[in-house]
Amino acid sequence: MIADNTSLLSVAEAARRLSLSQSYLNKLRSAGGGPVFVKFGPRRVAYRPADLDAWIAGMVRASTGEAEAGAPAGVAQ
């Protein structure tokens, strides 16, 4: 359970933290392969900083060949 809503980031804040555009983060959320998120209803989405950090850690690759294998499906980079 999240005890403090101040620890949640909006889509804009999460995109800035990840150095991505909001539209690309939205595409990742729709297509899958992006960071996990919290959904509060039909329109409210938020991200926990720890989930963003975990997603970044999962994207670490040793070579460009590995990066292609780990790219989110259905989303052009």
PDB file of N, CA and C in Angstrom:
ATOM      1  N   MET A   1       0.848  -1.190   0.000  1.00  0.00           N
ATOM      2  CA  MET A   1       0.000   0.000   0.000  1.00  0.00           C
ATOM      3  C   MET A   1       0.885   1.243   0.000  1.00  0.00           C
ATOM      4  N   ILE A   2       0.479   2.224  -0.738  1.00  0.00           N
ATOM      5  CA  ILE A   2       1.218   3.477  -0.807  1.00  0.00           C
ATOM      6  C   ILE A   2       0.698   4.392   0.295  1.00  0.00           C
ATOM      7  N   ALA A   3       1.576   4.746   1.223  1.00  0.00           N
ATOM      8  CA  ALA A   3       1.163   5.558   2.350  1.00  0.00           C
ATOM      9  C   ALA A   3       1.204   7.044   2.044  1.00  0.00           C
ATOM     10  N   ASP A   4       1.938   7.424   1.018  1.00  0.00           N
ATOM     11  CA  ASP A   4       2.168   8.837   0.754  1.00  0.00           C
ATOM     12  C   ASP A   4       2.029   9.116  -0.739  1.00  0.00           C
ATOM     13  N   ASN A   5       0.962   9.786  -1.134  1.00  0.00           N
ATOM     14  CA  ASN A   5       0.742  10.071  -2.557  1.00  0.00           C
ATOM     15  C   ASN A   5       1.800  10.979  -3.145  1.00  0.00           C
ATOM     16  N   THR A   6       2.580  11.672  -2.328  1.00  0.00           N
ATOM     17  CA  THR A   6       3.631  12.521  -2.870  1.00  0.00           C
ATOM     18  C   THR A   6       4.729  11.685  -3.501  1.00  0.00           C
ATOM     19  N   SER A   7       4.752  10.390  -3.213  1.00  0.00           N
ATOM     20  CA  SER A   7       5.768   9.533  -3.816  1.00  0.00           C
ATOM     21  C   SER A   7       5.358   9.074  -5.217  1.00  0.00           C
ATOM     22  N   LEU A   8       4.171   9.448  -5.659  1.00  0.00           N
ATOM     23  CA  LEU A   8       3.712   9.091  -7.000  1.00  0.00           C
ATOM     24  C   LEU A   8       4.060  10.204  -7.977  1.00  0.00           C
ATOM     25  N   LEU A   9       4.447   9.795  -9.180  1.00  0.00           N
ATOM     26  CA  LEU A   9       4.800  10.758 -10.222  1.00  0.00           C
ATOM     27  C   LEU A   9       3.744  10.739 -11.317  1.00  0.00           C
ATOM     28  N   SER A  10       3.423  11.900 -11.833  1.00  0.00           N
ATOM     29  CA  SER A  10       2.519  11.998 -12.979  1.00  0.00           C
ATOM     30  C   SER A  10       3.233  11.460 -14.218  1.00  0.00           C
ATOM     31  N   VAL A  11       2.488  11.321 -15.310  1.00  0.00           N
ATOM     32  CA  VAL A  11       3.093  10.882 -16.568  1.00  0.00           C
ATOM     33  C   VAL A  11       4.174  11.879 -16.996  1.00  0.00           C
ATOM     34  N   ALA A  12       3.889  13.162 -16.869  1.00  0.00           N
ATOM     35  CA  ALA A  12       4.869  14.189 -17.256  1.00  0.00           C
ATOM     36  C   ALA A  12       6.133  14.084 -16.408  1.00  0.00           C
ATOM     37  N   GLU A  13       5.967  13.919 -15.098  1.00  0.00           N
ATOM     38  CA  GLU A  13       7.121  13.806 -14.204  1.00  0.00           C
ATOM     39  C   GLU A  13       7.930  12.545 -14.493  1.00  0.00           C
ATOM     40  N   ALA A  14       7.221  11.434 -14.725  1.00  0.00           N
ATOM     41  CA  ALA A  14       7.905  10.171 -15.027  1.00  0.00           C
ATOM     42  C   ALA A  14       8.669  10.278 -16.348  1.00  0.00           C
ATOM     43  N   ALA A  15       8.058  10.900 -17.342  1.00  0.00           N
ATOM     44  CA  ALA A  15       8.721  11.067 -18.637  1.00  0.00           C
ATOM     45  C   ALA A  15       9.992  11.902 -18.486  1.00  0.00           C
ATOM     46  N   ARG A  16       9.911  12.975 -17.717  1.00  0.00           N
ATOM     47  CA  ARG A  16      11.109  13.796 -17.473  1.00  0.00           C
ATOM     48  C   ARG A  16      12.188  12.986 -16.762  1.00  0.00           C
ATOM     49  N   ARG A  17      11.794  12.219 -15.756  1.00  0.00           N
ATOM     50  CA  ARG A  17      12.765  11.410 -15.006  1.00  0.00           C
ATOM     51  C   ARG A  17      13.454  10.387 -15.901  1.00  0.00           C
ATOM     52  N   LEU A  18      12.713   9.835 -16.868  1.00  0.00           N
ATOM     53  CA  LEU A  18      13.254   8.826 -17.781  1.00  0.00           C
ATOM     54  C   LEU A  18      13.890   9.431 -19.032  1.00  0.00           C
ATOM     55  N   SER A  19      13.803  10.734 -19.188  1.00  0.00           N
ATOM     56  CA  SER A  19      14.289  11.434 -20.389  1.00  0.00           C
ATOM     57  C   SER A  19      13.589  10.918 -21.647  1.00  0.00           C
ATOM     58  N   LEU A  20      12.287  10.709 -21.537  1.00  0.00           N
ATOM     59  CA  LEU A  20      11.449  10.281 -22.659  1.00  0.00           C
ATOM     60  C   LEU A  20      10.360  11.325 -22.875  1.00  0.00           C
ATOM     61  N   SER A  21       9.776  11.318 -24.055  1.00  0.00           N
ATOM     62  CA  SER A  21       8.621  12.186 -24.264  1.00  0.00           C
ATOM     63  C   SER A  21       7.403  11.533 -23.601  1.00  0.00           C
ATOM     64  N   GLN A  22       6.431  12.358 -23.265  1.00  0.00           N
ATOM     65  CA  GLN A  22       5.199  11.817 -22.690  1.00  0.00           C
ATOM     66  C   GLN A  22       4.504  10.886 -23.676  1.00  0.00           C
ATOM     67  N   SER A  23       4.524  11.240 -24.949  1.00  0.00           N
ATOM     68  CA  SER A  23       3.837  10.403 -25.941  1.00  0.00           C
ATOM     69  C   SER A  23       4.497   9.028 -26.054  1.00  0.00           C
ATOM     70  N   TYR A  24       5.830   8.985 -25.979  1.00  0.00           N
ATOM     71  CA  TYR A  24       6.505   7.683 -26.053  1.00  0.00           C
ATOM     72  C   TYR A  24       6.204   6.851 -24.802  1.00  0.00           C
ATOM     73  N   LEU A  25       6.179   7.492 -23.633  1.00  0.00           N
ATOM     74  CA  LEU A  25       5.833   6.770 -22.411  1.00  0.00           C
ATOM     75  C   LEU A  25       4.400   6.244 -22.498  1.00  0.00           C
ATOM     76  N   ASN A  26       3.490   7.034 -23.061  1.00  0.00           N
ATOM     77  CA  ASN A  26       2.107   6.569 -23.263  1.00  0.00           C
ATOM     78  C   ASN A  26       2.062   5.373 -24.207  1.00  0.00           C
ATOM     79  N   LYS A  27       2.857   5.407 -25.278  1.00  0.00           N
ATOM     80  CA  LYS A  27       2.903   4.273 -26.212  1.00  0.00           C
ATOM     81  C   LYS A  27       3.432   3.028 -25.527  1.00  0.00           C
ATOM     82  N   LEU A  28       4.464   3.186 -24.712  1.00  0.00           N
ATOM     83  CA  LEU A  28       4.998   2.038 -23.977  1.00  0.00           C
ATOM     84  C   LEU A  28       3.940   1.440 -23.052  1.00  0.00           C
ATOM     85  N   ARG A  29       3.185   2.309 -22.397  1.00  0.00           N
ATOM     86  CA  ARG A  29       2.140   1.836 -21.487  1.00  0.00           C
ATOM     87  C   ARG A  29       1.065   1.070 -22.250  1.00  0.00           C
ATOM     88  N   SER A  30       0.702   1.532 -23.427  1.00  0.00           N
ATOM     89  CA  SER A  30      -0.336   0.874 -24.225  1.00  0.00           C
ATOM     90  C   SER A  30       0.145  -0.431 -24.844  1.00  0.00           C
ATOM     91  N   ALA A  31       1.369  -0.421 -25.379  1.00  0.00           N
ATOM     92  CA  ALA A  31       1.896  -1.583 -26.094  1.00  0.00           C
ATOM     93  C   ALA A  31       2.517  -2.615 -25.158  1.00  0.00           C
ATOM     94  N   GLY A  32       2.873  -2.194 -23.963  1.00  0.00           N
ATOM     95  CA  GLY A  32       3.577  -3.076 -23.046  1.00  0.00           C
ATOM     96  C   GLY A  32       5.073  -2.864 -23.192  1.00  0.00           C
ATOM     97  N   GLY A  33       5.804  -3.262 -22.198  1.00  0.00           N
ATOM     98  CA  GLY A  33       7.245  -3.120 -22.246  1.00  0.00           C
ATOM     99  C   GLY A  33       7.766  -1.918 -21.496  1.00  0.00           C
ATOM    100  N   GLY A  34       6.884  -1.041 -21.055  1.00  0.00           N
ATOM    101  CA  GLY A  34       7.301   0.114 -20.277  1.00  0.00           C
ATOM    102  C   GLY A  34       7.283  -0.198 -18.792  1.00  0.00           C
ATOM    103  N   PRO A  35       7.563   0.808 -17.989  1.00  0.00           N
ATOM    104  CA  PRO A  35       7.538   0.605 -16.544  1.00  0.00           C
ATOM    105  C   PRO A  35       6.112   0.330 -16.050  1.00  0.00           C
ATOM    106  N   VAL A  36       6.016  -0.442 -14.972  1.00  0.00           N
ATOM    107  CA  VAL A  36       4.689  -0.685 -14.391  1.00  0.00           C
ATOM    108  C   VAL A  36       4.150   0.637 -13.863  1.00  0.00           C
ATOM    109  N   PHE A  37       2.838   0.741 -13.770  1.00  0.00           N
ATOM    110  CA  PHE A  37       2.197   1.990 -13.378  1.00  0.00           C
ATOM    111  C   PHE A  37       1.020   1.700 -12.468  1.00  0.00           C
ATOM    112  N   VAL A  38       0.516   2.759 -11.849  1.00  0.00           N
ATOM    113  CA  VAL A  38      -0.644   2.673 -10.976  1.00  0.00           C
ATOM    114  C   VAL A  38      -1.794   3.357 -11.703  1.00  0.00           C
ATOM    115  N   LYS A  39      -2.939   2.673 -11.790  1.00  0.00           N
ATOM    116  CA  LYS A  39      -4.098   3.239 -12.486  1.00  0.00           C
ATOM    117  C   LYS A  39      -5.195   3.471 -11.453  1.00  0.00           C
ATOM    118  N   PHE A  40      -5.646   4.717 -11.357  1.00  0.00           N
ATOM    119  CA  PHE A  40      -6.642   5.098 -10.364  1.00  0.00           C
ATOM    120  C   PHE A  40      -8.054   5.212 -10.919  1.00  0.00           C
ATOM    121  N   GLY A  41      -8.245   4.924 -12.141  1.00  0.00           N
ATOM    122  CA  GLY A  41      -9.552   5.060 -12.772  1.00  0.00           C
ATOM    123  C   GLY A  41      -9.355   5.108 -14.264  1.00  0.00           C
ATOM    124  N   PRO A  42     -10.370   5.507 -14.996  1.00  0.00           N
ATOM    125  CA  PRO A  42     -10.252   5.485 -16.452  1.00  0.00           C
ATOM    126  C   PRO A  42      -9.222   6.471 -17.009  1.00  0.00           C
ATOM    127  N   ARG A  43      -8.855   7.514 -16.239  1.00  0.00           N
ATOM    128  CA  ARG A  43      -7.980   8.540 -16.811  1.00  0.00           C
ATOM    129  C   ARG A  43      -6.738   8.859 -15.978  1.00  0.00           C
ATOM    130  N   ARG A  44      -6.670   8.415 -14.752  1.00  0.00           N
ATOM    131  CA  ARG A  44      -5.556   8.797 -13.861  1.00  0.00           C
ATOM    132  C   ARG A  44      -4.520   7.686 -13.794  1.00  0.00           C
ATOM    133  N   VAL A  45      -3.308   8.010 -14.223  1.00  0.00           N
ATOM    134  CA  VAL A  45      -2.175   7.085 -14.208  1.00  0.00           C
ATOM    135  C   VAL A  45      -1.043   7.757 -13.449  1.00  0.00           C
ATOM    136  N   ALA A  46      -0.324   6.975 -12.647  1.00  0.00           N
ATOM    137  CA  ALA A  46       0.828   7.496 -11.921  1.00  0.00           C
ATOM    138  C   ALA A  46       1.917   6.433 -11.899  1.00  0.00           C
ATOM    139  N   TYR A  47       3.109   6.860 -11.578  1.00  0.00           N
ATOM    140  CA  TYR A  47       4.262   5.957 -11.512  1.00  0.00           C
ATOM    141  C   TYR A  47       4.946   6.106 -10.159  1.00  0.00           C
ATOM    142  N   ARG A  48       5.411   4.978  -9.610  1.00  0.00           N
ATOM    143  CA  ARG A  48       6.209   5.013  -8.388  1.00  0.00           C
ATOM    144  C   ARG A  48       7.678   5.122  -8.791  1.00  0.00           C
ATOM    145  N   PRO A  49       8.429   6.000  -8.146  1.00  0.00           N
ATOM    146  CA  PRO A  49       9.848   6.153  -8.493  1.00  0.00           C
ATOM    147  C   PRO A  49      10.621   4.824  -8.474  1.00  0.00           C
ATOM    148  N   ALA A  50      10.350   3.962  -7.522  1.00  0.00           N
ATOM    149  CA  ALA A  50      11.055   2.678  -7.443  1.00  0.00           C
ATOM    150  C   ALA A  50      10.772   1.811  -8.669  1.00  0.00           C
ATOM    151  N   ASP A  51       9.553   1.895  -9.214  1.00  0.00           N
ATOM    152  CA  ASP A  51       9.219   1.124 -10.412  1.00  0.00           C
ATOM    153  C   ASP A  51       9.960   1.657 -11.635  1.00  0.00           C
ATOM    154  N   LEU A  52      10.138   2.968 -11.702  1.00  0.00           N
ATOM    155  CA  LEU A  52      10.907   3.556 -12.801  1.00  0.00           C
ATOM    156  C   LEU A  52      12.365   3.118 -12.707  1.00  0.00           C
ATOM    157  N   ASP A  53      12.910   3.138 -11.486  1.00  0.00           N
ATOM    158  CA  ASP A  53      14.297   2.706 -11.284  1.00  0.00           C
ATOM    159  C   ASP A  53      14.472   1.234 -11.663  1.00  0.00           C
ATOM    160  N   ALA A  54      13.504   0.389 -11.302  1.00  0.00           N
ATOM    161  CA  ALA A  54      13.573  -1.039 -11.642  1.00  0.00           C
ATOM    162  C   ALA A  54      13.509  -1.243 -13.154  1.00  0.00           C
ATOM    163  N   TRP A  55      12.681  -0.465 -13.830  1.00  0.00           N
ATOM    164  CA  TRP A  55      12.567  -0.579 -15.290  1.00  0.00           C
ATOM    165  C   TRP A  55      13.883  -0.183 -15.947  1.00  0.00           C
ATOM    166  N   ILE A  56      14.486   0.905 -15.464  1.00  0.00           N
ATOM    167  CA  ILE A  56      15.780   1.333 -15.995  1.00  0.00           C
ATOM    168  C   ILE A  56      16.815   0.229 -15.784  1.00  0.00           C
ATOM    169  N   ALA A  57      16.852  -0.354 -14.603  1.00  0.00           N
ATOM    170  CA  ALA A  57      17.816  -1.419 -14.305  1.00  0.00           C
ATOM    171  C   ALA A  57      17.616  -2.615 -15.239  1.00  0.00           C
ATOM    172  N   GLY A  58      16.373  -2.887 -15.604  1.00  0.00           N
ATOM    173  CA  GLY A  58      16.082  -3.989 -16.515  1.00  0.00           C
ATOM    174  C   GLY A  58      16.453  -3.710 -17.957  1.00  0.00           C
ATOM    175  N   MET A  59      16.717  -2.453 -18.279  1.00  0.00           N
ATOM    176  CA  MET A  59      17.071  -2.082 -19.644  1.00  0.00           C
ATOM    177  C   MET A  59      18.581  -2.074 -19.884  1.00  0.00           C
ATOM    178  N   VAL A  60      19.373  -2.361 -18.858  1.00  0.00           N
ATOM    179  CA  VAL A  60      20.830  -2.351 -18.987  1.00  0.00           C
ATOM    180  C   VAL A  60      21.264  -3.493 -19.895  1.00  0.00           C
ATOM    181  N   ARG A  61      22.090  -3.194 -20.867  1.00  0.00           N
ATOM    182  CA  ARG A  61      22.577  -4.177 -21.834  1.00  0.00           C
ATOM    183  C   ARG A  61      24.077  -4.043 -21.986  1.00  0.00           C
ATOM    184  N   ALA A  62      24.736  -5.142 -22.376  1.00  0.00           N
ATOM    185  CA  ALA A  62      26.183  -5.151 -22.578  1.00  0.00           C
ATOM    186  C   ALA A  62      26.562  -4.874 -24.026  1.00  0.00           C
ATOM    187  N   SER A  63      25.600  -5.036 -24.953  1.00  0.00           N
ATOM    188  CA  SER A  63      25.887  -4.791 -26.361  1.00  0.00           C
ATOM    189  C   SER A  63      24.614  -4.327 -27.065  1.00  0.00           C
ATOM    190  N   THR A  64      24.774  -3.778 -28.255  1.00  0.00           N
ATOM    191  CA  THR A  64      23.612  -3.306 -29.004  1.00  0.00           C
ATOM    192  C   THR A  64      22.723  -4.458 -29.448  1.00  0.00           C
ATOM    193  N   GLY A  65      23.295  -5.634 -29.668  1.00  0.00           N
ATOM    194  CA  GLY A  65      22.493  -6.805 -30.030  1.00  0.00           C
ATOM    195  C   GLY A  65      21.517  -7.169 -28.930  1.00  0.00           C
ATOM    196  N   GLU A  66      21.948  -7.031 -27.693  1.00  0.00           N
ATOM    197  CA  GLU A  66      21.062  -7.297 -26.563  1.00  0.00           C
ATOM    198  C   GLU A  66      19.964  -6.250 -26.482  1.00  0.00           C
ATOM    199  N   ALA A  67      20.274  -5.004 -26.823  1.00  0.00           N
ATOM    200  CA  ALA A  67      19.282  -3.938 -26.739  1.00  0.00           C
ATOM    201  C   ALA A  67      18.119  -4.205 -27.683  1.00  0.00           C
ATOM    202  N   GLU A  68      18.406  -4.700 -28.869  1.00  0.00           N
ATOM    203  CA  GLU A  68      17.333  -5.009 -29.820  1.00  0.00           C
ATOM    204  C   GLU A  68      16.419  -6.092 -29.276  1.00  0.00           C
ATOM    205  N   ALA A  69      16.991  -7.092 -28.628  1.00  0.00           N
ATOM    206  CA  ALA A  69      16.184  -8.175 -28.071  1.00  0.00           C
ATOM    207  C   ALA A  69      15.301  -7.684 -26.936  1.00  0.00           C
ATOM    208  N   GLY A  70      15.722  -6.629 -26.230  1.00  0.00           N
ATOM    209  CA  GLY A  70      14.968  -6.137 -25.104  1.00  0.00           C
ATOM    210  C   GLY A  70      14.045  -4.987 -25.419  1.00  0.00           C
ATOM    211  N   ALA A  71      13.972  -4.569 -26.686  1.00  0.00           N
ATOM    212  CA  ALA A  71      13.131  -3.442 -27.058  1.00  0.00           C
ATOM    213  C   ALA A  71      11.660  -3.804 -26.878  1.00  0.00           C
ATOM    214  N   PRO A  72      10.833  -2.853 -26.425  1.00  0.00           N
ATOM    215  CA  PRO A  72       9.416  -3.115 -26.265  1.00  0.00           C
ATOM    216  C   PRO A  72       8.766  -3.515 -27.581  1.00  0.00           C
ATOM    217  N   ALA A  73       7.912  -4.503 -27.536  1.00  0.00           N
ATOM    218  CA  ALA A  73       7.234  -4.988 -28.741  1.00  0.00           C
ATOM    219  C   ALA A  73       6.225  -3.965 -29.254  1.00  0.00           C
ATOM    220  N   GLY A  74       6.178  -3.788 -30.555  1.00  0.00           N
ATOM    221  CA  GLY A  74       5.155  -2.954 -31.167  1.00  0.00           C
ATOM    222  C   GLY A  74       5.389  -1.460 -31.059  1.00  0.00           C
ATOM    223  N   VAL A  75       6.520  -1.045 -30.539  1.00  0.00           N
ATOM    224  CA  VAL A  75       6.771   0.381 -30.392  1.00  0.00           C
ATOM    225  C   VAL A  75       8.056   0.718 -31.129  1.00  0.00           C
ATOM    226  N   ALA A  76       7.944   1.588 -32.124  1.00  0.00           N
ATOM    227  CA  ALA A  76       9.120   2.019 -32.873  1.00  0.00           C
ATOM    228  C   ALA A  76       9.941   2.969 -32.016  1.00  0.00           C
ATOM    229  N   GLN A  77      11.262   2.811 -32.062  1.00  0.00           N
ATOM    230  CA  GLN A  77      12.114   3.674 -31.251  1.00  0.00           C
ATOM    231  C   GLN A  77      12.710   4.783 -32.079  1.00  0.00           C
TER     232      GLN A  77
END
